[in-house]
Amino acid sequence: MKHTSLALIVLATASCSSPAVDTARPRTQSSLARTVEAATDVPSRPVKKAARRASKDELTQAYTYFDGAKRRTVYLSPELVAEFAPSDAGRDAVLAANDGYAERWVAEPTARVWRVGRRPDADAFARGLSNDTSHFSAVLHEGPSSELPMLALPGGVVASFRADWTRAEIDRWLATRGLAVERELVPGSNTFLVPTEPGLPALELANRLHDSGELISCTPNWWRRASVR
């Protein structure tokens, strides 16, 4: 009889201390989207070594480009995409394409970076999100580790032509390649922004124009994450 009384006391105590059960209706996908973003809307932060357990050489998909005459190598992230001119429509596009989940990894006035989980097709995924109002790019790093500085491609290449070329000659040269000037970056410098779609197509075009041997230099129009100290 004493054992029975003790058992009843234990059950009553457990019942009193149990957390309340959430009896609210299941959340819709839109409410889930808001919840995910609210939970992960944090300031820019470096990737923690312990949390990620990443090796120094975790990134393997490499691309090269020219910075003046110097060839540089960058590495594709399999889990990050960059959104330029951030908007609610852009956020919704990421969530819709990624089963309602995305973590805001970096937030800056001109761009934000979403962590969408490891994907074998990060560049194709990012390009598939772009439309007339939302612009996305794969994210790359300056070395084979995700702990290194990140960059992305909002679109366009920076092309520097010889000083003795006139604007008419530059326009004709670009037109034969199906290209055109968007704007001159420094007046009188013969350095122009030539538009492309966002992402790796900008890097590929910059390399093609560089390899023509007819320009002083041609490099992608990079977005770089603001330094975090």
C-alpha atoms as a PDB file:
ATOM      1  CA  MET A   1       0.000   0.000   0.000  1.00  0.00           C
ATOM      2  CA  LYS A   2       2.878   2.368   0.774  1.00  0.00           C
ATOM      3  CA  HIS A   3       4.392   1.590  -2.664  1.00  0.00           C
ATOM      4  CA  THR A   4       1.098   2.472  -4.383  1.00  0.00           C
ATOM      5  CA  SER A   5       0.868   5.828  -2.600  1.00  0.00           C
ATOM      6  CA  LEU A   6       4.444   6.656  -3.529  1.00  0.00           C
ATOM      7  CA  ALA A   7       3.762   5.881  -7.176  1.00  0.00           C
ATOM      8  CA  LEU A   8       0.716   8.143  -7.227  1.00  0.00           C
ATOM      9  CA  ILE A   9       2.721  11.007  -5.722  1.00  0.00           C
ATOM     10  CA  VAL A  10       5.473  10.623  -8.359  1.00  0.00           C
ATOM     11  CA  LEU A  11       2.918  10.598 -11.197  1.00  0.00           C
ATOM     12  CA  ALA A  12       1.171  13.676  -9.870  1.00  0.00           C
ATOM     13  CA  THR A  13       4.471  15.533  -9.540  1.00  0.00           C
ATOM     14  CA  ALA A  14       5.523  14.612 -13.093  1.00  0.00           C
ATOM     15  CA  SER A  15       2.159  15.758 -14.423  1.00  0.00           C
ATOM     16  CA  CYS A  16       2.509  19.142 -12.779  1.00  0.00           C
ATOM     17  CA  SER A  17       6.022  19.724 -14.151  1.00  0.00           C
ATOM     18  CA  SER A  18       5.321  18.624 -17.741  1.00  0.00           C
ATOM     19  CA  PRO A  19       5.565  21.428 -20.371  1.00  0.00           C
ATOM     20  CA  ALA A  20       2.359  22.686 -21.900  1.00  0.00           C
ATOM     21  CA  VAL A  21       1.354  21.003 -25.142  1.00  0.00           C
ATOM     22  CA  ASP A  22       1.161  23.293 -28.199  1.00  0.00           C
ATOM     23  CA  THR A  23      -2.441  22.929 -29.333  1.00  0.00           C
ATOM     24  CA  ALA A  24      -2.208  25.630 -32.009  1.00  0.00           C
ATOM     25  CA  ARG A  25      -3.088  24.735 -35.567  1.00  0.00           C
ATOM     26  CA  PRO A  26      -0.215  23.475 -37.755  1.00  0.00           C
ATOM     27  CA  ARG A  27       1.718  26.330 -39.347  1.00  0.00           C
ATOM     28  CA  THR A  28       1.330  26.975 -43.039  1.00  0.00           C
ATOM     29  CA  GLN A  29       4.367  27.124 -45.321  1.00  0.00           C
ATOM     30  CA  SER A  30       4.305  30.939 -45.261  1.00  0.00           C
ATOM     31  CA  SER A  31       4.284  31.001 -41.475  1.00  0.00           C
ATOM     32  CA  LEU A  32       7.115  28.461 -41.455  1.00  0.00           C
ATOM     33  CA  ALA A  33       9.090  30.717 -43.778  1.00  0.00           C
ATOM     34  CA  ARG A  34       8.639  33.640 -41.410  1.00  0.00           C
ATOM     35  CA  THR A  35       9.629  31.464 -38.462  1.00  0.00           C
ATOM     36  CA  VAL A  36      12.789  30.190 -40.143  1.00  0.00           C
ATOM     37  CA  GLU A  37      13.921  33.666 -41.127  1.00  0.00           C
ATOM     38  CA  ALA A  38      13.116  35.160 -37.730  1.00  0.00           C
ATOM     39  CA  ALA A  39      15.061  32.412 -35.996  1.00  0.00           C
ATOM     40  CA  THR A  40      18.092  32.892 -38.210  1.00  0.00           C
ATOM     41  CA  ASP A  41      18.068  36.631 -38.820  1.00  0.00           C
ATOM     42  CA  VAL A  42      21.363  37.295 -37.103  1.00  0.00           C
ATOM     43  CA  PRO A  43      24.240  39.706 -37.758  1.00  0.00           C
ATOM     44  CA  SER A  44      27.024  38.677 -40.103  1.00  0.00           C
ATOM     45  CA  ARG A  45      29.186  36.126 -38.368  1.00  0.00           C
ATOM     46  CA  PRO A  46      32.172  33.959 -39.166  1.00  0.00           C
ATOM     47  CA  VAL A  47      31.741  30.231 -39.513  1.00  0.00           C
ATOM     48  CA  LYS A  48      32.608  28.493 -36.270  1.00  0.00           C
ATOM     49  CA  LYS A  49      35.204  25.773 -36.665  1.00  0.00           C
ATOM     50  CA  ALA A  50      33.709  23.501 -34.031  1.00  0.00           C
ATOM     51  CA  ALA A  51      30.182  23.780 -35.396  1.00  0.00           C
ATOM     52  CA  ARG A  52      31.114  23.173 -39.011  1.00  0.00           C
ATOM     53  CA  ARG A  53      33.875  20.601 -38.451  1.00  0.00           C
ATOM     54  CA  ALA A  54      35.304  21.619 -41.803  1.00  0.00           C
ATOM     55  CA  SER A  55      38.749  20.711 -43.025  1.00  0.00           C
ATOM     56  CA  LYS A  56      41.031  23.347 -44.519  1.00  0.00           C
ATOM     57  CA  ASP A  57      40.636  21.821 -47.994  1.00  0.00           C
ATOM     58  CA  GLU A  58      36.903  21.120 -47.962  1.00  0.00           C
ATOM     59  CA  LEU A  59      36.173  23.039 -51.192  1.00  0.00           C
ATOM     60  CA  THR A  60      37.249  21.327 -54.386  1.00  0.00           C
ATOM     61  CA  GLN A  61      35.464  23.000 -57.320  1.00  0.00           C
ATOM     62  CA  ALA A  62      37.943  25.643 -58.495  1.00  0.00           C
ATOM     63  CA  TYR A  63      37.653  28.475 -61.022  1.00  0.00           C
ATOM     64  CA  THR A  64      40.278  30.905 -62.249  1.00  0.00           C
ATOM     65  CA  TYR A  65      40.065  34.517 -63.400  1.00  0.00           C
ATOM     66  CA  PHE A  66      42.464  37.364 -64.080  1.00  0.00           C
ATOM     67  CA  ASP A  67      43.079  40.302 -61.773  1.00  0.00           C
ATOM     68  CA  GLY A  68      45.062  42.492 -64.132  1.00  0.00           C
ATOM     69  CA  ALA A  69      47.801  40.173 -65.385  1.00  0.00           C
ATOM     70  CA  LYS A  70      47.645  37.896 -62.343  1.00  0.00           C
ATOM     71  CA  ARG A  71      45.674  34.667 -62.486  1.00  0.00           C
ATOM     72  CA  ARG A  72      43.702  33.963 -59.312  1.00  0.00           C
ATOM     73  CA  THR A  73      41.788  30.909 -58.143  1.00  0.00           C
ATOM     74  CA  VAL A  74      38.478  30.855 -56.283  1.00  0.00           C
ATOM     75  CA  TYR A  75      36.453  27.930 -54.952  1.00  0.00           C
ATOM     76  CA  LEU A  76      32.716  27.327 -55.221  1.00  0.00           C
ATOM     77  CA  SER A  77      30.665  26.925 -52.049  1.00  0.00           C
ATOM     78  CA  PRO A  78      28.249  23.986 -52.266  1.00  0.00           C
ATOM     79  CA  GLU A  79      25.874  25.447 -49.666  1.00  0.00           C
ATOM     80  CA  LEU A  80      25.684  29.237 -50.048  1.00  0.00           C
ATOM     81  CA  VAL A  81      23.929  31.530 -52.534  1.00  0.00           C
ATOM     82  CA  ALA A  82      24.075  35.324 -52.671  1.00  0.00           C
ATOM     83  CA  GLU A  83      21.057  37.543 -53.285  1.00  0.00           C
ATOM     84  CA  PHE A  84      21.635  41.089 -54.570  1.00  0.00           C
ATOM     85  CA  ALA A  85      19.327  44.027 -53.801  1.00  0.00           C
ATOM     86  CA  PRO A  86      17.606  41.882 -51.144  1.00  0.00           C
ATOM     87  CA  SER A  87      13.807  41.787 -51.143  1.00  0.00           C
ATOM     88  CA  ASP A  88      10.904  39.814 -49.737  1.00  0.00           C
ATOM     89  CA  ALA A  89      10.393  38.319 -53.196  1.00  0.00           C
ATOM     90  CA  GLY A  90      13.983  37.094 -53.214  1.00  0.00           C
ATOM     91  CA  ARG A  91      13.601  35.538 -49.778  1.00  0.00           C
ATOM     92  CA  ASP A  92      10.404  33.807 -50.845  1.00  0.00           C
ATOM     93  CA  ALA A  93      12.090  32.466 -53.990  1.00  0.00           C
ATOM     94  CA  VAL A  94      14.872  30.870 -51.927  1.00  0.00           C
ATOM     95  CA  LEU A  95      12.417  29.277 -49.507  1.00  0.00           C
ATOM     96  CA  ALA A  96      10.140  28.003 -52.287  1.00  0.00           C
ATOM     97  CA  ALA A  97      13.054  26.389 -54.141  1.00  0.00           C
ATOM     98  CA  ASN A  98      14.542  24.842 -51.004  1.00  0.00           C
ATOM     99  CA  ASP A  99      11.570  23.117 -49.357  1.00  0.00           C
ATOM    100  CA  GLY A 100      10.779  26.069 -47.102  1.00  0.00           C
ATOM    101  CA  TYR A 101      14.187  26.270 -45.448  1.00  0.00           C
ATOM    102  CA  ALA A 102      17.051  28.747 -45.708  1.00  0.00           C
ATOM    103  CA  GLU A 103      19.346  30.325 -43.139  1.00  0.00           C
ATOM    104  CA  ARG A 104      20.330  33.947 -43.541  1.00  0.00           C
ATOM    105  CA  TRP A 105      24.094  33.676 -43.170  1.00  0.00           C
ATOM    106  CA  VAL A 106      25.223  37.197 -44.087  1.00  0.00           C
ATOM    107  CA  ALA A 107      23.114  40.346 -44.259  1.00  0.00           C
ATOM    108  CA  GLU A 108      24.442  43.571 -45.789  1.00  0.00           C
ATOM    109  CA  PRO A 109      22.649  46.530 -47.389  1.00  0.00           C
ATOM    110  CA  THR A 110      23.463  45.464 -50.955  1.00  0.00           C
ATOM    111  CA  ALA A 111      23.431  41.688 -50.587  1.00  0.00           C
ATOM    112  CA  ARG A 112      22.582  38.815 -48.315  1.00  0.00           C
ATOM    113  CA  VAL A 113      23.893  35.275 -48.342  1.00  0.00           C
ATOM    114  CA  TRP A 114      21.620  32.302 -47.761  1.00  0.00           C
ATOM    115  CA  ARG A 115      22.788  28.959 -46.473  1.00  0.00           C
ATOM    116  CA  VAL A 116      20.657  26.348 -48.241  1.00  0.00           C
ATOM    117  CA  GLY A 117      22.395  23.086 -47.356  1.00  0.00           C
ATOM    118  CA  ARG A 118      25.006  21.243 -49.384  1.00  0.00           C
ATOM    119  CA  ARG A 119      24.040  20.959 -53.039  1.00  0.00           C
ATOM    120  CA  PRO A 120      25.897  19.390 -55.973  1.00  0.00           C
ATOM    121  CA  ASP A 121      24.444  22.085 -58.242  1.00  0.00           C
ATOM    122  CA  ALA A 122      24.985  25.306 -56.272  1.00  0.00           C
ATOM    123  CA  ASP A 123      25.609  27.463 -59.349  1.00  0.00           C
ATOM    124  CA  ALA A 124      22.615  26.088 -61.266  1.00  0.00           C
ATOM    125  CA  PHE A 125      20.461  26.464 -58.138  1.00  0.00           C
ATOM    126  CA  ALA A 126      21.451  30.122 -57.749  1.00  0.00           C
ATOM    127  CA  ARG A 127      20.928  30.921 -61.424  1.00  0.00           C
ATOM    128  CA  GLY A 128      17.520  29.252 -61.330  1.00  0.00           C
ATOM    129  CA  LEU A 129      16.416  31.725 -58.658  1.00  0.00           C
ATOM    130  CA  SER A 130      17.220  34.808 -60.753  1.00  0.00           C
ATOM    131  CA  ASN A 131      14.503  36.670 -62.640  1.00  0.00           C
ATOM    132  CA  ASP A 132      13.722  40.238 -63.697  1.00  0.00           C
ATOM    133  CA  THR A 133      13.508  41.486 -60.110  1.00  0.00           C
ATOM    134  CA  SER A 134      15.678  39.091 -58.083  1.00  0.00           C
ATOM    135  CA  HIS A 135      19.341  38.399 -58.815  1.00  0.00           C
ATOM    136  CA  PHE A 136      21.340  35.528 -57.353  1.00  0.00           C
ATOM    137  CA  SER A 137      24.839  34.119 -57.675  1.00  0.00           C
ATOM    138  CA  ALA A 138      26.771  31.179 -56.411  1.00  0.00           C
ATOM    139  CA  VAL A 139      29.175  32.097 -53.591  1.00  0.00           C
ATOM    140  CA  LEU A 140      32.901  31.511 -53.948  1.00  0.00           C
ATOM    141  CA  HIS A 141      35.807  31.679 -51.525  1.00  0.00           C
ATOM    142  CA  GLU A 142      39.334  32.985 -51.970  1.00  0.00           C
ATOM    143  CA  GLY A 143      40.786  29.574 -51.137  1.00  0.00           C
ATOM    144  CA  PRO A 144      39.757  25.933 -50.617  1.00  0.00           C
ATOM    145  CA  SER A 145      38.082  26.563 -47.258  1.00  0.00           C
ATOM    146  CA  SER A 146      34.699  28.058 -46.376  1.00  0.00           C
ATOM    147  CA  GLU A 147      36.427  29.970 -43.587  1.00  0.00           C
ATOM    148  CA  LEU A 148      38.182  32.182 -46.148  1.00  0.00           C
ATOM    149  CA  PRO A 149      36.695  35.463 -47.486  1.00  0.00           C
ATOM    150  CA  MET A 150      33.652  35.069 -49.687  1.00  0.00           C
ATOM    151  CA  LEU A 151      32.769  36.695 -52.993  1.00  0.00           C
ATOM    152  CA  ALA A 152      29.957  36.487 -55.512  1.00  0.00           C
ATOM    153  CA  LEU A 153      29.064  37.689 -58.990  1.00  0.00           C
ATOM    154  CA  PRO A 154      26.197  40.199 -59.306  1.00  0.00           C
ATOM    155  CA  GLY A 155      26.778  40.358 -63.058  1.00  0.00           C
ATOM    156  CA  GLY A 156      29.042  42.232 -65.419  1.00  0.00           C
ATOM    157  CA  VAL A 157      32.739  42.385 -66.254  1.00  0.00           C
ATOM    158  CA  VAL A 158      35.168  45.278 -65.882  1.00  0.00           C
ATOM    159  CA  ALA A 159      36.906  45.720 -69.241  1.00  0.00           C
ATOM    160  CA  SER A 160      39.822  48.122 -69.781  1.00  0.00           C
ATOM    161  CA  PHE A 161      40.568  49.073 -73.394  1.00  0.00           C
ATOM    162  CA  ARG A 162      43.679  50.689 -74.827  1.00  0.00           C
ATOM    163  CA  ALA A 163      43.878  54.462 -74.494  1.00  0.00           C
ATOM    164  CA  ASP A 164      44.065  54.943 -78.269  1.00  0.00           C
ATOM    165  CA  TRP A 165      40.691  53.248 -78.842  1.00  0.00           C
ATOM    166  CA  THR A 166      37.776  55.608 -79.379  1.00  0.00           C
ATOM    167  CA  ARG A 167      34.389  54.947 -77.868  1.00  0.00           C
ATOM    168  CA  ALA A 168      33.055  54.114 -81.328  1.00  0.00           C
ATOM    169  CA  GLU A 169      35.788  51.496 -81.801  1.00  0.00           C
ATOM    170  CA  ILE A 170      35.022  49.987 -78.400  1.00  0.00           C
ATOM    171  CA  ASP A 171      31.313  49.816 -79.162  1.00  0.00           C
ATOM    172  CA  ARG A 172      31.983  48.106 -82.510  1.00  0.00           C
ATOM    173  CA  TRP A 173      34.407  45.624 -80.968  1.00  0.00           C
ATOM    174  CA  LEU A 174      31.854  44.637 -78.316  1.00  0.00           C
ATOM    175  CA  ALA A 175      28.965  44.536 -80.794  1.00  0.00           C
ATOM    176  CA  THR A 176      30.734  41.896 -82.909  1.00  0.00           C
ATOM    177  CA  ARG A 177      30.642  39.708 -79.801  1.00  0.00           C
ATOM    178  CA  GLY A 178      27.019  40.438 -78.954  1.00  0.00           C
ATOM    179  CA  LEU A 179      28.010  42.761 -76.109  1.00  0.00           C
ATOM    180  CA  ALA A 180      27.566  46.427 -75.189  1.00  0.00           C
ATOM    181  CA  VAL A 181      28.738  48.957 -72.620  1.00  0.00           C
ATOM    182  CA  GLU A 182      26.557  49.554 -69.562  1.00  0.00           C
ATOM    183  CA  ARG A 183      28.571  52.524 -68.302  1.00  0.00           C
ATOM    184  CA  GLU A 184      32.081  53.924 -68.084  1.00  0.00           C
ATOM    185  CA  LEU A 185      33.436  53.363 -64.601  1.00  0.00           C
ATOM    186  CA  VAL A 186      35.963  56.209 -64.544  1.00  0.00           C
ATOM    187  CA  PRO A 187      35.439  59.054 -67.042  1.00  0.00           C
ATOM    188  CA  GLY A 188      38.170  59.129 -69.666  1.00  0.00           C
ATOM    189  CA  SER A 189      39.744  55.863 -68.493  1.00  0.00           C
ATOM    190  CA  ASN A 190      38.402  53.588 -71.251  1.00  0.00           C
ATOM    191  CA  THR A 191      37.331  51.211 -68.481  1.00  0.00           C
ATOM    192  CA  PHE A 192      33.742  50.050 -68.798  1.00  0.00           C
ATOM    193  CA  LEU A 193      31.244  47.796 -67.129  1.00  0.00           C
ATOM    194  CA  VAL A 194      29.925  45.285 -69.652  1.00  0.00           C
ATOM    195  CA  PRO A 195      26.713  43.648 -68.398  1.00  0.00           C
ATOM    196  CA  THR A 196      26.146  39.909 -68.046  1.00  0.00           C
ATOM    197  CA  GLU A 197      23.715  37.755 -66.113  1.00  0.00           C
ATOM    198  CA  PRO A 198      24.674  37.097 -62.470  1.00  0.00           C
ATOM    199  CA  GLY A 199      26.837  34.153 -61.465  1.00  0.00           C
ATOM    200  CA  LEU A 200      29.579  32.210 -63.222  1.00  0.00           C
ATOM    201  CA  PRO A 201      28.685  33.482 -66.737  1.00  0.00           C
ATOM    202  CA  ALA A 202      30.356  36.763 -65.712  1.00  0.00           C
ATOM    203  CA  LEU A 203      33.568  34.968 -64.797  1.00  0.00           C
ATOM    204  CA  GLU A 204      33.490  32.952 -68.017  1.00  0.00           C
ATOM    205  CA  LEU A 205      33.002  36.067 -70.172  1.00  0.00           C
ATOM    206  CA  ALA A 206      35.787  37.931 -68.372  1.00  0.00           C
ATOM    207  CA  ASN A 207      38.166  35.073 -69.159  1.00  0.00           C
ATOM    208  CA  ARG A 208      37.124  34.986 -72.834  1.00  0.00           C
ATOM    209  CA  LEU A 209      37.644  38.714 -73.278  1.00  0.00           C
ATOM    210  CA  HIS A 210      40.982  38.560 -71.457  1.00  0.00           C
ATOM    211  CA  ASP A 211      42.125  35.689 -73.651  1.00  0.00           C
ATOM    212  CA  SER A 212      41.379  37.719 -76.791  1.00  0.00           C
ATOM    213  CA  GLY A 213      44.619  39.577 -76.091  1.00  0.00           C
ATOM    214  CA  GLU A 214      43.082  42.840 -77.299  1.00  0.00           C
ATOM    215  CA  LEU A 215      42.232  44.380 -73.914  1.00  0.00           C
ATOM    216  CA  ILE A 216      44.505  45.816 -71.274  1.00  0.00           C
ATOM    217  CA  SER A 217      42.594  43.771 -68.701  1.00  0.00           C
ATOM    218  CA  CYS A 218      39.228  42.171 -68.042  1.00  0.00           C
ATOM    219  CA  THR A 219      38.013  40.871 -64.697  1.00  0.00           C
ATOM    220  CA  PRO A 220      34.653  39.897 -63.211  1.00  0.00           C
ATOM    221  CA  ASN A 221      32.621  42.521 -61.390  1.00  0.00           C
ATOM    222  CA  TRP A 222      32.930  41.035 -57.899  1.00  0.00           C
ATOM    223  CA  TRP A 223      30.848  41.536 -54.799  1.00  0.00           C
ATOM    224  CA  ARG A 224      33.008  40.935 -51.736  1.00  0.00           C
ATOM    225  CA  ARG A 225      31.767  40.508 -48.222  1.00  0.00           C
ATOM    226  CA  ALA A 226      32.577  43.441 -46.011  1.00  0.00           C
ATOM    227  CA  SER A 227      35.476  42.688 -43.702  1.00  0.00           C
ATOM    228  CA  VAL A 228      34.489  41.334 -40.288  1.00  0.00           C
ATOM    229  CA  ARG A 229      36.976  42.133 -37.529  1.00  0.00           C
END
